[in-house]
């Protein structure tokens, strides 16, 4: 019994320590071109432990119509490329997100006019709607984004707040009855992109 108590106390201290570390940690470095997910789990009945996985293996492109007056923005990232600092968890992600059906998480925006995109830069913010492909399904979503002029490029930051159930994704618990870890039905998809790494942005006036 004493040994079990020591193990539980140690696990609780590690859990609280991890929670404090994530609270102070920035997900992205200032010059990164990356995407990430953030969620929470309960460990040993203690809530609020964040889990963050990041990938910089991002492909982003603006697809223009022949007239070059309207375009769609496409952003994709391989399911298998996310790094959360836990190799066991990262190894489970392709199965959880059904990578055999959708190898890449992909967002394709609704059609945007050249004027729409220029206004996004001028206003430094926008809600961008489109379709998100993940786990073998496609969902209408809306990302809230900000646009910050960095001189040589615009930094595009933002997120989508959703849940696993909304994306029809089932995340397994760890241990009997979720004793060791139980995921919350909460998910953030985080955006941190550079305009100079998005093909097709050269056709937009990037200076205010």
Foldseek 3Di string as FASTA:
>chain_A
DVVVVVVVVVLVVVQVVQQVVVVPDDPDDQPAFKKKKKFWKAFQNRTRRIFMWMARQKAWAWAADPVRFKTKIKIKDFQLRIDRPDVVVSVCRCVQFVCVQPRIWMWIWDIDGLVRVQVCLVVQWDKTWTWIDISNDIDIFIWTWGWDDPPVWTWIKTKTKAFCVVVPTDDDAPDVPNSGMGTDRIMMMIGTRTLVNYHPCVSHPNDD
